[in-house]
Amino acid sequence: MKGRMLLVEDDELIGTLVEMNLAHEGWSVTWERSGEAALEQLTRESFDLVLLDYMLPGIDGIALAKELRRRGLAMPILMLTVRSATTDKVAALDAGIDDHLSKPFDVAELVARVRALARRPRRGATD
């Protein structure tokens, strides 16, 4: 197993595609469909990486990323989103994400970005 990943995605098709492909790559994937559920999950368990949708019901991806960083959680965050304007990318990066991938995306690129993030040393983790 490569590590534990939290997938936060409300779209069933995208979530299923991502979960299936990353599990095939050796990741243990926990899938939550809202920001609130993801936050609850993160209080109970630790993860090595978070894949986070920008637009979620309730707490959106930007607010969730800010909250994770505020709590001192240092795992890499890869944001998946249809929002590809520079201002959206800047807001996400400023909120604490580590990488950004626009939807629709190629699964091979997603897997490669996950591998790249997993190779990076963790920064001052408190989780």
Protein backbone atom coordinates (compact mmCIF):
# COMPACT_ATOMS: atom_id res chain seq x y z
CA MET A 1 0.00 0.00 0.00
CA LYS A 2 1.33 3.43 -0.96
CA GLY A 3 -0.52 5.35 1.74
CA ARG A 4 -3.85 6.62 2.94
CA MET A 5 -5.69 9.13 0.80
CA LEU A 6 -8.80 11.17 1.51
CA LEU A 7 -10.82 11.88 -1.62
CA VAL A 8 -13.33 14.73 -1.21
CA GLU A 9 -15.54 14.77 -4.31
CA ASP A 10 -19.32 15.11 -4.65
CA ASP A 11 -19.56 13.93 -8.26
CA GLU A 12 -20.25 10.17 -8.27
CA LEU A 13 -18.71 9.48 -11.68
CA ILE A 14 -15.50 11.39 -11.00
CA GLY A 15 -15.25 9.99 -7.48
CA THR A 16 -15.66 6.43 -8.69
CA LEU A 17 -13.09 6.93 -11.45
CA VAL A 18 -10.55 8.47 -9.09
CA GLU A 19 -11.12 5.95 -6.30
CA MET A 20 -10.84 2.97 -8.63
CA ASN A 21 -7.67 4.17 -10.37
CA LEU A 22 -5.83 5.23 -7.23
CA ALA A 23 -6.79 2.03 -5.41
CA HIS A 24 -5.36 0.18 -8.42
CA GLU A 25 -2.14 2.17 -7.89
CA GLY A 26 -1.96 0.89 -4.31
CA TRP A 27 -3.57 3.70 -2.34
CA SER A 28 -6.07 3.10 0.44
CA VAL A 29 -8.79 5.60 -0.54
CA THR A 30 -11.45 6.98 1.81
CA TRP A 31 -14.09 8.88 -0.13
CA GLU A 32 -16.18 11.67 1.38
CA ARG A 33 -18.76 13.65 -0.58
CA SER A 34 -18.88 16.90 1.40
CA GLY A 35 -16.50 19.24 3.15
CA GLU A 36 -18.20 18.63 6.50
CA ALA A 37 -17.84 14.85 6.22
CA ALA A 38 -14.19 15.27 5.20
CA LEU A 39 -13.50 17.48 8.22
CA GLU A 40 -15.09 14.89 10.52
CA GLN A 41 -13.02 12.14 8.90
CA LEU A 42 -9.83 14.16 9.40
CA THR A 43 -10.54 14.52 13.12
CA ARG A 44 -10.75 10.71 13.45
CA GLU A 45 -7.98 9.54 11.11
CA SER A 46 -4.77 10.74 9.51
CA PHE A 47 -4.08 10.71 5.79
CA ASP A 48 -0.98 10.97 3.66
CA LEU A 49 -2.65 12.97 0.88
CA VAL A 50 -5.95 14.76 0.19
CA LEU A 51 -7.64 15.05 -3.22
CA LEU A 52 -10.07 17.91 -2.87
CA ASP A 53 -12.80 19.23 -5.15
CA TYR A 54 -13.14 23.02 -5.23
CA MET A 55 -16.93 23.18 -5.37
CA LEU A 56 -18.50 21.04 -2.66
CA PRO A 57 -21.82 21.18 -0.86
CA GLY A 58 -21.53 23.03 2.46
CA ILE A 59 -17.88 23.78 3.18
CA ASP A 60 -16.17 24.36 -0.17
CA GLY A 61 -12.68 23.18 -1.03
CA ILE A 62 -11.03 26.56 -0.37
CA ALA A 63 -12.52 26.84 3.12
CA LEU A 64 -11.63 23.22 3.85
CA ALA A 65 -8.02 23.67 2.73
CA LYS A 66 -7.71 26.78 4.92
CA GLU A 67 -9.13 24.90 7.90
CA LEU A 68 -6.77 21.95 7.42
CA ARG A 69 -3.78 24.28 7.35
CA ARG A 70 -5.11 26.27 10.32
CA ARG A 71 -5.21 23.00 12.27
CA GLY A 72 -1.59 22.33 11.34
CA LEU A 73 -2.32 19.38 9.04
CA ALA A 74 0.55 19.22 6.59
CA MET A 75 -0.38 16.45 4.17
CA PRO A 76 -0.24 17.43 0.48
CA ILE A 77 -3.51 18.65 -1.03
CA LEU A 78 -4.28 18.26 -4.73
CA MET A 79 -7.31 20.25 -5.84
CA LEU A 80 -9.52 18.93 -8.64
CA THR A 81 -11.78 21.53 -10.17
CA VAL A 82 -13.59 22.83 -13.22
CA ARG A 83 -12.55 26.31 -12.11
CA SER A 84 -9.42 27.08 -14.08
CA ALA A 85 -9.24 30.88 -14.02
CA THR A 86 -5.98 32.25 -12.68
CA THR A 87 -7.80 33.95 -9.80
CA ASP A 88 -9.29 30.60 -8.73
CA LYS A 89 -5.89 28.89 -8.87
CA VAL A 90 -4.29 31.70 -6.86
CA ALA A 91 -7.05 31.53 -4.23
CA ALA A 92 -6.58 27.77 -3.92
CA LEU A 93 -2.79 28.03 -3.66
CA ASP A 94 -3.10 30.81 -1.09
CA ALA A 95 -5.53 28.61 0.89
CA GLY A 96 -2.80 25.99 1.23
CA ILE A 97 -3.17 23.51 -1.61
CA ASP A 98 -0.02 22.06 -3.13
CA ASP A 99 -1.18 21.35 -6.67
CA HIS A 100 -4.14 21.98 -8.96
CA LEU A 101 -5.65 19.84 -11.72
CA SER A 102 -8.45 21.10 -13.94
CA LYS A 103 -11.45 18.94 -14.83
CA PRO A 104 -11.77 17.21 -17.15
CA PHE A 105 -8.41 15.58 -16.55
CA ASP A 106 -6.52 12.60 -17.87
CA VAL A 107 -6.25 9.82 -15.28
CA ALA A 108 -2.60 9.23 -16.15
CA GLU A 109 -1.82 12.87 -15.29
CA LEU A 110 -3.76 12.62 -12.02
CA VAL A 111 -1.84 9.49 -11.02
CA ALA A 112 1.48 11.14 -11.96
CA ARG A 113 0.66 14.24 -9.88
CA VAL A 114 -0.29 12.05 -6.92
CA ARG A 115 3.04 10.19 -7.25
CA ALA A 116 4.90 13.51 -7.39
CA LEU A 117 3.17 14.83 -4.27
CA ALA A 118 3.79 11.56 -2.42
CA ARG A 119 7.53 11.85 -3.15
CA ARG A 120 7.82 15.26 -1.50
CA PRO A 121 8.97 15.38 2.10
CA ARG A 122 6.17 16.37 4.45
CA ARG A 123 6.46 19.85 5.88
CA GLY A 124 6.31 20.00 9.67
CA ALA A 125 3.44 17.54 10.02
CA THR A 126 1.43 17.59 13.20
CA ASP A 127 -1.18 15.09 12.01
